[in-house]
Amino acid sequence: MKLEVTYSIEKDAQTYVDYIFNFKFFKHGRVNIQETLLEKLDIPLQSLLKSVENDQEAFCKIRSYLEQTYNSNPTIIEDSAAKLKTMWGKVGDNIIFSLEFLYKKPFPFKFATAYLTTNFIFPYNYEQKYFFVNFKYLSTQLNTIKHELNHFMFYYYYPAGKDLNLEKYELLKESLSFFSNPEQEGKPNEAPLRDLYKSKIWNSLDEAVIQATKLLCFPK
């Protein structure tokens, strides 16, 4: 798979609007997630986000802040992108192979885009095949890529049906990172699914997904 690595200040700013100023997606049991993410930011950015009143103001001020902070030294982002591109060239095939081994199915996409972000949460867009990775840490970037590509394979091979509502379907998707990213703890509401996954050696991911779906439909 070809991976494009790039940076968009507009997309970066939007992550702060959508996940810290607001939180527009499922929390899956994460308590005070906005406050937790806010506390990871530089103090001036924390103050900025606390002072704005609506999405548009938040976006404009965050974009201006990012321009002042990072455009003064663009090589920080450029060097990170170059390093990730080089490393993907070395290990990308191994990551794809590991996901194909997990799913026992071919990886179905030829291209994806990794957007670098200065934020500490990494959203994605399945339809447009892009996701975010933090711009600083190479090892974390690779783990995030595997995590997000696992999500993309889930959407492709296990499309939403009638058995689960959207929130439970999304929770099932998130929980499958147990198999691709065992170093990650997962979200609090994943705990029963992760306990299920730990309970036996599975013949296939299909089997695990079937049993996890049953557990979500009929929780104990």
N, C-alpha and C. Protein backbone atom coordinates (compact mmCIF):
# COMPACT_ATOMS: atom_id res chain seq x y z
N MET A 1 0.84 -1.20 0.00
CA MET A 1 0.00 0.00 0.00
C MET A 1 0.88 1.24 0.00
N LYS A 2 0.53 2.20 -0.81
CA LYS A 2 1.24 3.47 -0.84
C LYS A 2 0.68 4.38 0.24
N LEU A 3 1.57 4.92 1.06
CA LEU A 3 1.16 5.83 2.12
C LEU A 3 1.70 7.22 1.83
N GLU A 4 0.79 8.18 1.66
CA GLU A 4 1.17 9.58 1.52
C GLU A 4 1.22 10.19 2.92
N VAL A 5 2.28 10.91 3.23
CA VAL A 5 2.41 11.58 4.52
C VAL A 5 2.46 13.08 4.27
N THR A 6 1.57 13.82 4.92
CA THR A 6 1.49 15.24 4.65
C THR A 6 0.97 15.98 5.87
N TYR A 7 0.86 17.29 5.76
CA TYR A 7 0.34 18.12 6.85
C TYR A 7 -0.63 19.14 6.27
N SER A 8 -1.75 19.31 6.94
CA SER A 8 -2.72 20.34 6.58
C SER A 8 -3.05 21.11 7.85
N ILE A 9 -2.72 22.39 7.86
CA ILE A 9 -2.99 23.18 9.06
C ILE A 9 -4.49 23.31 9.32
N GLU A 10 -5.28 23.31 8.24
CA GLU A 10 -6.73 23.37 8.41
C GLU A 10 -7.27 22.10 9.06
N LYS A 11 -6.83 20.96 8.57
CA LYS A 11 -7.29 19.70 9.16
C LYS A 11 -6.80 19.57 10.60
N ASP A 12 -5.57 19.99 10.84
CA ASP A 12 -5.02 19.93 12.19
C ASP A 12 -5.86 20.78 13.14
N ALA A 13 -6.14 22.02 12.74
CA ALA A 13 -6.95 22.90 13.58
C ALA A 13 -8.32 22.31 13.85
N GLN A 14 -8.89 21.64 12.86
CA GLN A 14 -10.24 21.08 13.02
C GLN A 14 -10.27 19.98 14.07
N THR A 15 -9.17 19.26 14.25
CA THR A 15 -9.16 18.22 15.29
C THR A 15 -9.36 18.82 16.68
N TYR A 16 -8.81 20.01 16.89
CA TYR A 16 -8.99 20.67 18.19
C TYR A 16 -10.44 21.11 18.38
N VAL A 17 -11.07 21.54 17.30
CA VAL A 17 -12.47 21.96 17.38
C VAL A 17 -13.37 20.77 17.68
N ASP A 18 -13.15 19.68 16.97
CA ASP A 18 -14.05 18.53 17.02
C ASP A 18 -13.84 17.63 18.23
N TYR A 19 -12.65 17.69 18.85
CA TYR A 19 -12.36 16.73 19.91
C TYR A 19 -11.98 17.36 21.24
N ILE A 20 -11.73 18.67 21.27
CA ILE A 20 -11.39 19.30 22.55
C ILE A 20 -12.36 20.44 22.86
N PHE A 21 -12.54 21.37 21.94
CA PHE A 21 -13.56 22.40 22.16
C PHE A 21 -14.93 21.74 22.26
N ASN A 22 -15.22 20.85 21.35
CA ASN A 22 -16.38 19.97 21.42
C ASN A 22 -15.85 18.54 21.42
N PHE A 23 -16.72 17.59 21.68
CA PHE A 23 -16.37 16.20 21.42
C PHE A 23 -17.57 15.60 20.72
N LYS A 24 -17.46 15.43 19.41
CA LYS A 24 -18.62 15.15 18.58
C LYS A 24 -18.83 13.67 18.27
N PHE A 25 -18.06 12.81 18.94
CA PHE A 25 -18.11 11.41 18.57
C PHE A 25 -18.31 10.56 19.83
N PHE A 26 -18.42 9.25 19.67
CA PHE A 26 -18.68 8.38 20.80
C PHE A 26 -17.51 8.39 21.78
N LYS A 27 -17.84 8.47 23.07
CA LYS A 27 -16.79 8.48 24.10
C LYS A 27 -16.43 7.08 24.57
N HIS A 28 -17.31 6.12 24.37
CA HIS A 28 -17.07 4.73 24.74
C HIS A 28 -16.55 4.60 26.17
N GLY A 29 -17.18 5.34 27.08
CA GLY A 29 -16.86 5.21 28.49
C GLY A 29 -15.73 6.10 28.98
N ARG A 30 -15.14 6.87 28.12
CA ARG A 30 -14.05 7.76 28.53
C ARG A 30 -14.63 8.96 29.27
N VAL A 31 -14.32 9.08 30.54
CA VAL A 31 -14.84 10.15 31.38
C VAL A 31 -13.89 11.34 31.28
N ASN A 32 -14.47 12.53 31.15
CA ASN A 32 -13.68 13.76 31.09
C ASN A 32 -12.63 13.72 29.98
N ILE A 33 -12.97 13.14 28.84
CA ILE A 33 -12.00 12.99 27.76
C ILE A 33 -11.53 14.35 27.25
N GLN A 34 -12.44 15.33 27.17
CA GLN A 34 -12.03 16.65 26.69
C GLN A 34 -11.02 17.29 27.64
N GLU A 35 -11.30 17.20 28.93
CA GLU A 35 -10.40 17.77 29.93
C GLU A 35 -9.04 17.09 29.90
N THR A 36 -9.04 15.77 29.72
CA THR A 36 -7.79 15.02 29.67
C THR A 36 -6.94 15.46 28.48
N LEU A 37 -7.58 15.59 27.33
CA LEU A 37 -6.85 16.03 26.14
C LEU A 37 -6.39 17.47 26.29
N LEU A 38 -7.22 18.31 26.88
CA LEU A 38 -6.86 19.72 27.06
C LEU A 38 -5.61 19.87 27.91
N GLU A 39 -5.51 19.05 28.95
CA GLU A 39 -4.38 19.15 29.87
C GLU A 39 -3.04 18.77 29.23
N LYS A 40 -3.08 18.08 28.11
CA LYS A 40 -1.85 17.69 27.42
C LYS A 40 -1.26 18.82 26.59
N LEU A 41 -2.04 19.87 26.36
CA LEU A 41 -1.64 20.93 25.45
C LEU A 41 -0.82 21.99 26.17
N ASP A 42 -0.10 22.78 25.38
CA ASP A 42 0.62 23.92 25.93
C ASP A 42 -0.37 24.87 26.60
N ILE A 43 0.09 25.55 27.65
CA ILE A 43 -0.78 26.42 28.43
C ILE A 43 -1.46 27.49 27.57
N PRO A 44 -0.73 28.16 26.66
CA PRO A 44 -1.42 29.18 25.84
C PRO A 44 -2.56 28.61 25.01
N LEU A 45 -2.38 27.39 24.50
CA LEU A 45 -3.44 26.77 23.70
C LEU A 45 -4.61 26.35 24.59
N GLN A 46 -4.31 25.91 25.80
CA GLN A 46 -5.39 25.61 26.74
C GLN A 46 -6.24 26.85 27.01
N SER A 47 -5.55 27.97 27.26
CA SER A 47 -6.26 29.21 27.54
C SER A 47 -7.10 29.65 26.35
N LEU A 48 -6.56 29.48 25.16
CA LEU A 48 -7.28 29.85 23.95
C LEU A 48 -8.57 29.05 23.84
N LEU A 49 -8.48 27.75 24.03
CA LEU A 49 -9.66 26.90 23.87
C LEU A 49 -10.71 27.17 24.95
N LYS A 50 -10.27 27.60 26.10
CA LYS A 50 -11.22 27.92 27.17
C LYS A 50 -11.92 29.26 26.93
N SER A 51 -11.33 30.11 26.09
CA SER A 51 -11.86 31.47 25.92
C SER A 51 -12.83 31.61 24.75
N VAL A 52 -12.80 30.68 23.79
CA VAL A 52 -13.62 30.84 22.59
C VAL A 52 -15.06 30.40 22.87
N GLU A 53 -15.98 30.89 22.03
CA GLU A 53 -17.41 30.68 22.30
C GLU A 53 -18.11 29.78 21.29
N ASN A 54 -17.52 29.58 20.11
CA ASN A 54 -18.19 28.74 19.11
C ASN A 54 -17.16 28.09 18.21
N ASP A 55 -17.61 27.16 17.37
CA ASP A 55 -16.71 26.40 16.52
C ASP A 55 -15.90 27.28 15.59
N GLN A 56 -16.55 28.26 14.98
CA GLN A 56 -15.86 29.10 14.01
C GLN A 56 -14.74 29.91 14.67
N GLU A 57 -15.04 30.49 15.82
CA GLU A 57 -14.02 31.24 16.54
C GLU A 57 -12.88 30.32 16.97
N ALA A 58 -13.23 29.13 17.44
CA ALA A 58 -12.21 28.17 17.86
C ALA A 58 -11.30 27.82 16.69
N PHE A 59 -11.89 27.52 15.54
CA PHE A 59 -11.08 27.15 14.38
C PHE A 59 -10.14 28.28 13.98
N CYS A 60 -10.64 29.49 13.88
CA CYS A 60 -9.82 30.62 13.42
C CYS A 60 -8.67 30.89 14.38
N LYS A 61 -8.94 30.85 15.67
CA LYS A 61 -7.89 31.17 16.63
C LYS A 61 -6.87 30.03 16.75
N ILE A 62 -7.33 28.80 16.65
CA ILE A 62 -6.40 27.68 16.69
C ILE A 62 -5.52 27.67 15.45
N ARG A 63 -6.12 27.92 14.31
CA ARG A 63 -5.33 27.98 13.07
C ARG A 63 -4.26 29.07 13.17
N SER A 64 -4.61 30.23 13.68
CA SER A 64 -3.66 31.31 13.84
C SER A 64 -2.54 30.91 14.81
N TYR A 65 -2.92 30.24 15.90
CA TYR A 65 -1.93 29.78 16.88
C TYR A 65 -0.95 28.79 16.23
N LEU A 66 -1.48 27.85 15.47
CA LEU A 66 -0.62 26.86 14.82
C LEU A 66 0.30 27.52 13.80
N GLU A 67 -0.20 28.48 13.08
CA GLU A 67 0.64 29.20 12.12
C GLU A 67 1.80 29.89 12.83
N GLN A 68 1.51 30.57 13.91
CA GLN A 68 2.56 31.28 14.64
C GLN A 68 3.57 30.32 15.25
N THR A 69 3.08 29.17 15.73
CA THR A 69 3.94 28.24 16.45
C THR A 69 4.81 27.40 15.53
N TYR A 70 4.23 26.90 14.44
CA TYR A 70 4.93 25.91 13.62
C TYR A 70 5.41 26.46 12.28
N ASN A 71 4.75 27.47 11.74
CA ASN A 71 5.22 28.02 10.47
C ASN A 71 6.54 28.75 10.62
N SER A 72 6.85 29.16 11.85
CA SER A 72 8.14 29.81 12.07
C SER A 72 9.30 28.83 11.96
N ASN A 73 8.99 27.55 12.08
CA ASN A 73 10.02 26.52 11.96
C ASN A 73 9.43 25.32 11.22
N PRO A 74 9.17 25.46 9.92
CA PRO A 74 8.45 24.42 9.17
C PRO A 74 9.22 23.11 9.06
N THR A 75 10.52 23.14 9.28
CA THR A 75 11.29 21.90 9.15
C THR A 75 10.88 20.87 10.20
N ILE A 76 10.29 21.31 11.32
CA ILE A 76 9.85 20.35 12.33
C ILE A 76 8.85 19.37 11.72
N ILE A 77 7.86 19.91 11.01
CA ILE A 77 6.85 19.07 10.36
C ILE A 77 7.44 18.35 9.17
N GLU A 78 8.21 19.05 8.36
CA GLU A 78 8.78 18.46 7.15
C GLU A 78 9.69 17.28 7.48
N ASP A 79 10.52 17.44 8.51
CA ASP A 79 11.43 16.35 8.89
C ASP A 79 10.67 15.14 9.40
N SER A 80 9.60 15.40 10.15
CA SER A 80 8.79 14.29 10.66
C SER A 80 8.14 13.53 9.52
N ALA A 81 7.62 14.25 8.54
CA ALA A 81 6.99 13.60 7.38
C ALA A 81 8.01 12.76 6.61
N ALA A 82 9.20 13.31 6.42
CA ALA A 82 10.23 12.59 5.68
C ALA A 82 10.64 11.31 6.40
N LYS A 83 10.79 11.39 7.72
CA LYS A 83 11.18 10.21 8.49
C LYS A 83 10.11 9.13 8.43
N LEU A 84 8.85 9.53 8.53
CA LEU A 84 7.78 8.54 8.48
C LEU A 84 7.69 7.90 7.10
N LYS A 85 7.86 8.69 6.04
CA LYS A 85 7.84 8.12 4.69
C LYS A 85 8.95 7.09 4.52
N THR A 86 10.13 7.43 5.02
CA THR A 86 11.27 6.51 4.91
C THR A 86 11.01 5.22 5.69
N MET A 87 10.50 5.37 6.90
CA MET A 87 10.25 4.19 7.73
C MET A 87 9.13 3.33 7.14
N TRP A 88 8.09 3.97 6.60
CA TRP A 88 7.02 3.18 5.97
C TRP A 88 7.59 2.37 4.81
N GLY A 89 8.50 2.94 4.07
CA GLY A 89 9.12 2.19 2.98
C GLY A 89 9.84 0.95 3.47
N LYS A 90 10.31 0.98 4.71
CA LYS A 90 11.04 -0.16 5.27
C LYS A 90 10.13 -1.19 5.92
N VAL A 91 9.09 -0.73 6.60
CA VAL A 91 8.29 -1.66 7.42
C VAL A 91 6.82 -1.74 6.99
N GLY A 92 6.42 -0.91 6.02
CA GLY A 92 5.00 -0.88 5.63
C GLY A 92 4.48 -2.23 5.19
N ASP A 93 5.25 -2.95 4.40
CA ASP A 93 4.79 -4.26 3.92
C ASP A 93 4.58 -5.22 5.09
N ASN A 94 5.42 -5.13 6.12
CA ASN A 94 5.26 -6.00 7.28
C ASN A 94 3.98 -5.68 8.05
N ILE A 95 3.64 -4.40 8.15
CA ILE A 95 2.41 -4.01 8.82
C ILE A 95 1.19 -4.52 8.05
N ILE A 96 1.23 -4.37 6.74
CA ILE A 96 0.12 -4.86 5.91
C ILE A 96 0.01 -6.38 6.03
N PHE A 97 1.13 -7.05 6.00
CA PHE A 97 1.11 -8.51 6.12
C PHE A 97 0.51 -8.94 7.46
N SER A 98 0.86 -8.25 8.54
CA SER A 98 0.34 -8.61 9.85
C SER A 98 -1.18 -8.46 9.90
N LEU A 99 -1.72 -7.44 9.23
CA LEU A 99 -3.17 -7.26 9.20
C LEU A 99 -3.83 -8.31 8.31
N GLU A 100 -3.21 -8.65 7.22
CA GLU A 100 -3.74 -9.71 6.36
C GLU A 100 -3.73 -11.05 7.11
N PHE A 101 -2.70 -11.29 7.89
CA PHE A 101 -2.62 -12.51 8.68
C PHE A 101 -3.73 -12.54 9.73
N LEU A 102 -3.99 -11.39 10.36
CA LEU A 102 -5.05 -11.30 11.36
C LEU A 102 -6.41 -11.57 10.75
N TYR A 103 -6.71 -10.92 9.64
CA TYR A 103 -8.03 -11.03 9.02
C TYR A 103 -8.17 -12.27 8.13
N LYS A 104 -7.04 -12.88 7.79
CA LYS A 104 -7.04 -13.99 6.83
C LYS A 104 -7.70 -13.58 5.51
N LYS A 105 -7.48 -12.32 5.18
CA LYS A 105 -8.05 -11.73 3.97
C LYS A 105 -7.06 -10.73 3.41
N PRO A 106 -7.10 -10.47 2.11
CA PRO A 106 -6.16 -9.50 1.52
C PRO A 106 -6.46 -8.07 1.97
N PHE A 107 -5.41 -7.28 2.10
CA PHE A 107 -5.60 -5.87 2.40
C PHE A 107 -6.22 -5.20 1.18
N PRO A 108 -7.37 -4.53 1.31
CA PRO A 108 -8.15 -4.15 0.13
C PRO A 108 -7.87 -2.77 -0.44
N PHE A 109 -6.91 -2.04 0.10
CA PHE A 109 -6.70 -0.66 -0.33
C PHE A 109 -5.28 -0.47 -0.86
N LYS A 110 -5.16 0.33 -1.91
CA LYS A 110 -3.85 0.58 -2.51
C LYS A 110 -3.22 1.88 -2.04
N PHE A 111 -4.02 2.73 -1.39
CA PHE A 111 -3.52 4.06 -1.06
C PHE A 111 -4.21 4.58 0.20
N ALA A 112 -3.45 5.26 1.06
CA ALA A 112 -4.01 5.96 2.21
C ALA A 112 -3.13 7.16 2.51
N THR A 113 -3.68 8.10 3.27
CA THR A 113 -2.94 9.31 3.62
C THR A 113 -2.84 9.44 5.12
N ALA A 114 -1.64 9.70 5.60
CA ALA A 114 -1.42 10.00 7.01
C ALA A 114 -1.18 11.49 7.15
N TYR A 115 -2.08 12.16 7.85
CA TYR A 115 -1.90 13.58 8.13
C TYR A 115 -1.23 13.73 9.49
N LEU A 116 -0.14 14.46 9.53
CA LEU A 116 0.49 14.75 10.81
C LEU A 116 -0.38 15.74 11.58
N THR A 117 -0.41 15.56 12.90
CA THR A 117 -1.17 16.48 13.74
C THR A 117 -0.36 16.84 14.97
N THR A 118 -0.58 18.04 15.47
CA THR A 118 0.03 18.48 16.71
C THR A 118 -0.83 18.12 17.91
N ASN A 119 -2.00 17.55 17.65
CA ASN A 119 -2.94 17.16 18.70
C ASN A 119 -2.57 15.77 19.23
N PHE A 120 -3.31 15.32 20.24
CA PHE A 120 -3.02 14.04 20.87
C PHE A 120 -4.18 13.06 20.72
N ILE A 121 -5.02 13.29 19.75
CA ILE A 121 -6.07 12.35 19.40
C ILE A 121 -6.05 12.23 17.89
N PHE A 122 -6.37 11.04 17.38
CA PHE A 122 -6.07 10.73 15.98
C PHE A 122 -7.31 10.23 15.24
N PRO A 123 -8.15 11.15 14.81
CA PRO A 123 -9.34 10.75 14.04
C PRO A 123 -8.97 10.25 12.65
N TYR A 124 -9.97 9.80 11.94
CA TYR A 124 -9.74 9.26 10.59
C TYR A 124 -10.99 9.47 9.76
N ASN A 125 -10.84 9.26 8.47
CA ASN A 125 -11.96 9.33 7.54
C ASN A 125 -11.86 8.10 6.63
N TYR A 126 -12.74 7.14 6.87
CA TYR A 126 -12.67 5.90 6.10
C TYR A 126 -12.99 6.14 4.63
N GLU A 127 -14.01 6.96 4.36
CA GLU A 127 -14.42 7.18 2.97
C GLU A 127 -13.29 7.79 2.15
N GLN A 128 -12.55 8.70 2.73
CA GLN A 128 -11.45 9.35 2.01
C GLN A 128 -10.09 8.70 2.30
N LYS A 129 -10.09 7.67 3.11
CA LYS A 129 -8.89 6.88 3.41
C LYS A 129 -7.74 7.73 3.95
N TYR A 130 -8.07 8.51 4.98
CA TYR A 130 -6.99 9.21 5.66
C TYR A 130 -7.16 9.11 7.17
N PHE A 131 -6.06 9.30 7.86
CA PHE A 131 -6.07 9.29 9.32
C PHE A 131 -4.97 10.23 9.79
N PHE A 132 -4.96 10.50 11.09
CA PHE A 132 -3.97 11.39 11.68
C PHE A 132 -2.98 10.61 12.54
N VAL A 133 -1.75 11.09 12.58
CA VAL A 133 -0.73 10.57 13.49
C VAL A 133 -0.01 11.76 14.11
N ASN A 134 0.43 11.60 15.35
CA ASN A 134 1.15 12.68 16.00
C ASN A 134 2.48 12.94 15.29
N PHE A 135 2.86 14.19 15.18
CA PHE A 135 4.02 14.54 14.35
C PHE A 135 5.35 14.26 15.03
N LYS A 136 5.36 13.91 16.32
CA LYS A 136 6.63 13.86 17.04
C LYS A 136 7.29 12.48 17.08
N TYR A 137 6.51 11.43 17.31
CA TYR A 137 7.10 10.17 17.76
C TYR A 137 6.92 9.08 16.71
N LEU A 138 8.02 8.61 16.14
CA LEU A 138 7.96 7.67 15.03
C LEU A 138 7.35 6.33 15.44
N SER A 139 7.75 5.79 16.57
CA SER A 139 7.22 4.49 16.98
C SER A 139 5.72 4.57 17.22
N THR A 140 5.26 5.67 17.83
CA THR A 140 3.83 5.86 18.04
C THR A 140 3.10 6.03 16.72
N GLN A 141 3.72 6.69 15.76
CA GLN A 141 3.11 6.86 14.44
C GLN A 141 2.83 5.51 13.81
N LEU A 142 3.78 4.60 13.86
CA LEU A 142 3.61 3.29 13.23
C LEU A 142 2.52 2.48 13.93
N ASN A 143 2.46 2.57 15.27
CA ASN A 143 1.39 1.88 16.00
C ASN A 143 0.03 2.45 15.64
N THR A 144 -0.03 3.77 15.50
CA THR A 144 -1.29 4.41 15.11
C THR A 144 -1.71 3.98 13.72
N ILE A 145 -0.77 3.91 12.80
CA ILE A 145 -1.09 3.49 11.43
C ILE A 145 -1.68 2.09 11.42
N LYS A 146 -1.05 1.18 12.15
CA LYS A 146 -1.59 -0.19 12.19
C LYS A 146 -3.00 -0.20 12.78
N HIS A 147 -3.20 0.57 13.83
CA HIS A 147 -4.50 0.68 14.48
C HIS A 147 -5.56 1.19 13.50
N GLU A 148 -5.24 2.25 12.78
CA GLU A 148 -6.22 2.85 11.87
C GLU A 148 -6.47 1.96 10.65
N LEU A 149 -5.44 1.33 10.15
CA LEU A 149 -5.65 0.42 9.00
C LEU A 149 -6.46 -0.80 9.40
N ASN A 150 -6.34 -1.21 10.65
CA ASN A 150 -7.21 -2.26 11.18
C ASN A 150 -8.67 -1.79 11.09
N HIS A 151 -8.93 -0.55 11.50
CA HIS A 151 -10.29 0.00 11.38
C HIS A 151 -10.77 -0.04 9.94
N PHE A 152 -9.92 0.35 9.02
CA PHE A 152 -10.32 0.38 7.61
C PHE A 152 -10.67 -1.02 7.11
N MET A 153 -9.90 -2.02 7.51
CA MET A 153 -10.21 -3.39 7.12
C MET A 153 -11.52 -3.86 7.75
N PHE A 154 -11.76 -3.47 8.99
CA PHE A 154 -13.01 -3.83 9.65
C PHE A 154 -14.20 -3.29 8.87
N TYR A 155 -14.15 -2.01 8.54
CA TYR A 155 -15.26 -1.42 7.78
C TYR A 155 -15.48 -2.15 6.46
N TYR A 156 -14.41 -2.53 5.81
CA TYR A 156 -14.50 -3.17 4.50
C TYR A 156 -15.08 -4.59 4.61
N TYR A 157 -14.59 -5.37 5.57
CA TYR A 157 -14.96 -6.77 5.63
C TYR A 157 -16.15 -7.05 6.55
N TYR A 158 -16.48 -6.12 7.45
CA TYR A 158 -17.61 -6.31 8.35
C TYR A 158 -18.51 -5.07 8.31
N PRO A 159 -19.16 -4.82 7.21
CA PRO A 159 -20.01 -3.62 7.10
C PRO A 159 -21.15 -3.66 8.12
N ALA A 160 -21.58 -2.48 8.51
CA ALA A 160 -22.64 -2.37 9.52
C ALA A 160 -23.90 -3.07 9.03
N GLY A 161 -24.55 -3.76 9.95
CA GLY A 161 -25.78 -4.47 9.63
C GLY A 161 -26.87 -4.13 10.61
N LYS A 162 -27.82 -5.04 10.76
CA LYS A 162 -28.98 -4.81 11.62
C LYS A 162 -28.74 -5.27 13.06
N ASP A 163 -27.71 -6.06 13.29
CA ASP A 163 -27.53 -6.66 14.61
C ASP A 163 -27.14 -5.63 15.67
N LEU A 164 -26.34 -4.65 15.28
CA LEU A 164 -25.80 -3.69 16.24
C LEU A 164 -26.18 -2.27 15.85
N ASN A 165 -26.49 -1.45 16.85
CA ASN A 165 -26.67 -0.03 16.55
C ASN A 165 -25.29 0.57 16.28
N LEU A 166 -25.28 1.81 15.85
CA LEU A 166 -24.02 2.41 15.42
C LEU A 166 -22.99 2.48 16.54
N GLU A 167 -23.42 2.81 17.75
CA GLU A 167 -22.46 2.93 18.85
C GLU A 167 -21.82 1.59 19.18
N LYS A 168 -22.62 0.53 19.20
CA LYS A 168 -22.07 -0.80 19.49
C LYS A 168 -21.20 -1.30 18.34
N TYR A 169 -21.60 -1.00 17.12
CA TYR A 169 -20.78 -1.36 15.96
C TYR A 169 -19.42 -0.68 16.03
N GLU A 170 -19.41 0.59 16.38
CA GLU A 170 -18.15 1.32 16.51
C GLU A 170 -17.32 0.78 17.67
N LEU A 171 -17.97 0.38 18.75
CA LEU A 171 -17.25 -0.20 19.87
C LEU A 171 -16.59 -1.52 19.48
N LEU A 172 -17.31 -2.34 18.73
CA LEU A 172 -16.74 -3.59 18.23
C LEU A 172 -15.50 -3.31 17.38
N LYS A 173 -15.60 -2.35 16.50
CA LYS A 173 -14.45 -1.97 15.66
C LYS A 173 -13.27 -1.57 16.52
N GLU A 174 -13.50 -0.72 17.50
CA GLU A 174 -12.41 -0.25 18.36
C GLU A 174 -11.77 -1.41 19.12
N SER A 175 -12.59 -2.35 19.57
CA SER A 175 -12.07 -3.44 20.40
C SER A 175 -11.13 -4.36 19.65
N LEU A 176 -11.26 -4.42 18.34
CA LEU A 176 -10.41 -5.34 17.57
C LEU A 176 -8.96 -4.89 17.51
N SER A 177 -8.68 -3.69 18.00
CA SER A 177 -7.27 -3.29 18.12
C SER A 177 -6.56 -4.16 19.16
N PHE A 178 -7.32 -4.89 19.97
CA PHE A 178 -6.74 -5.87 20.90
C PHE A 178 -5.81 -6.82 20.16
N PHE A 179 -6.18 -7.18 18.94
CA PHE A 179 -5.41 -8.17 18.18
C PHE A 179 -4.25 -7.54 17.40
N SER A 180 -4.43 -6.32 16.92
CA SER A 180 -3.37 -5.70 16.13
C SER A 180 -2.43 -4.83 16.96
N ASN A 181 -2.93 -4.29 18.06
CA ASN A 181 -2.15 -3.37 18.90
C ASN A 181 -2.28 -3.75 20.36
N PRO A 182 -1.71 -4.89 20.76
CA PRO A 182 -1.87 -5.36 22.15
C PRO A 182 -1.25 -4.43 23.17
N GLU A 183 -0.38 -3.51 22.71
CA GLU A 183 0.24 -2.56 23.64
C GLU A 183 -0.73 -1.47 24.08
N GLN A 184 -1.87 -1.36 23.41
CA GLN A 184 -2.85 -0.31 23.73
C GLN A 184 -3.92 -0.85 24.67
N GLU A 185 -4.34 -0.03 25.62
CA GLU A 185 -5.31 -0.48 26.62
C GLU A 185 -6.74 -0.51 26.08
N GLY A 186 -7.05 0.33 25.15
CA GLY A 186 -8.41 0.39 24.66
C GLY A 186 -9.28 1.30 25.52
N LYS A 187 -10.47 1.54 25.08
CA LYS A 187 -11.40 2.43 25.77
C LYS A 187 -12.16 1.65 26.85
N PRO A 188 -12.62 2.32 27.89
CA PRO A 188 -13.24 1.61 29.02
C PRO A 188 -14.35 0.64 28.63
N ASN A 189 -15.23 1.04 27.71
CA ASN A 189 -16.35 0.18 27.36
C ASN A 189 -15.95 -1.04 26.55
N GLU A 190 -14.70 -1.09 26.13
CA GLU A 190 -14.20 -2.28 25.43
C GLU A 190 -13.91 -3.43 26.38
N ALA A 191 -13.86 -3.18 27.67
CA ALA A 191 -13.37 -4.17 28.63
C ALA A 191 -14.04 -5.55 28.51
N PRO A 192 -15.39 -5.64 28.44
CA PRO A 192 -15.99 -6.97 28.31
C PRO A 192 -15.57 -7.69 27.03
N LEU A 193 -15.41 -6.94 25.93
CA LEU A 193 -14.98 -7.56 24.68
C LEU A 193 -13.54 -8.04 24.78
N ARG A 194 -12.69 -7.24 25.37
CA ARG A 194 -11.29 -7.64 25.52
C ARG A 194 -11.16 -8.86 26.44
N ASP A 195 -11.99 -8.92 27.48
CA ASP A 195 -11.99 -10.11 28.34
C ASP A 195 -12.41 -11.34 27.54
N LEU A 196 -13.37 -11.16 26.66
CA LEU A 196 -13.78 -12.26 25.78
C LEU A 196 -12.63 -12.70 24.89
N TYR A 197 -11.92 -11.76 24.30
CA TYR A 197 -10.83 -12.10 23.40
C TYR A 197 -9.71 -12.83 24.13
N LYS A 198 -9.52 -12.50 25.41
CA LYS A 198 -8.47 -13.15 26.20
C LYS A 198 -8.84 -14.56 26.64
N SER A 199 -10.13 -14.90 26.51
CA SER A 199 -10.63 -16.13 27.13
C SER A 199 -10.26 -17.40 26.38
N LYS A 200 -9.82 -17.28 25.13
CA LYS A 200 -9.49 -18.48 24.36
C LYS A 200 -8.60 -18.12 23.18
N ILE A 201 -8.10 -19.15 22.54
CA ILE A 201 -7.39 -18.97 21.27
C ILE A 201 -8.41 -19.12 20.14
N TRP A 202 -8.54 -18.09 19.33
CA TRP A 202 -9.58 -18.05 18.31
C TRP A 202 -9.09 -18.68 17.02
N ASN A 203 -9.98 -19.41 16.37
CA ASN A 203 -9.64 -20.00 15.08
C ASN A 203 -9.50 -18.96 13.98
N SER A 204 -10.24 -17.88 14.12
CA SER A 204 -10.20 -16.82 13.12
C SER A 204 -10.78 -15.56 13.71
N LEU A 205 -10.51 -14.43 13.08
CA LEU A 205 -11.13 -13.19 13.51
C LEU A 205 -12.63 -13.24 13.29
N ASP A 206 -13.07 -13.92 12.24
CA ASP A 206 -14.51 -14.07 12.01
C ASP A 206 -15.20 -14.65 13.24
N GLU A 207 -14.60 -15.68 13.81
CA GLU A 207 -15.18 -16.32 14.99
C GLU A 207 -15.25 -15.33 16.16
N ALA A 208 -14.18 -14.57 16.36
CA ALA A 208 -14.15 -13.60 17.45
C ALA A 208 -15.21 -12.52 17.25
N VAL A 209 -15.37 -12.07 16.01
CA VAL A 209 -16.36 -11.02 15.72
C VAL A 209 -17.77 -11.54 15.97
N ILE A 210 -18.05 -12.77 15.59
CA ILE A 210 -19.38 -13.34 15.81
C ILE A 210 -19.70 -13.41 17.30
N GLN A 211 -18.74 -13.88 18.09
CA GLN A 211 -18.98 -13.99 19.52
C GLN A 211 -19.06 -12.62 20.19
N ALA A 212 -18.25 -11.68 19.73
CA ALA A 212 -18.30 -10.32 20.28
C ALA A 212 -19.64 -9.66 19.95
N THR A 213 -20.14 -9.89 18.77
CA THR A 213 -21.45 -9.34 18.38
C THR A 213 -22.54 -9.89 19.27
N LYS A 214 -22.49 -11.18 19.57
CA LYS A 214 -23.47 -11.79 20.46
C LYS A 214 -23.40 -11.17 21.85
N LEU A 215 -22.18 -10.93 22.32
CA LEU A 215 -22.02 -10.34 23.64
C LEU A 215 -22.58 -8.92 23.68
N LEU A 216 -22.39 -8.18 22.60
CA LEU A 216 -22.93 -6.82 22.55
C LEU A 216 -24.47 -6.82 22.45
N CYS A 217 -25.00 -7.83 21.79
CA CYS A 217 -26.46 -7.92 21.68
C CYS A 217 -27.09 -8.40 22.98
N PHE A 218 -26.41 -9.31 23.67
CA PHE A 218 -26.94 -9.91 24.89
C PHE A 218 -25.88 -9.85 25.99
N PRO A 219 -25.61 -8.65 26.52
CA PRO A 219 -24.57 -8.52 27.54
C PRO A 219 -24.90 -9.32 28.79
N LYS A 220 -23.86 -9.82 29.42
CA LYS A 220 -24.05 -10.65 30.62
C LYS A 220 -24.32 -9.77 31.84
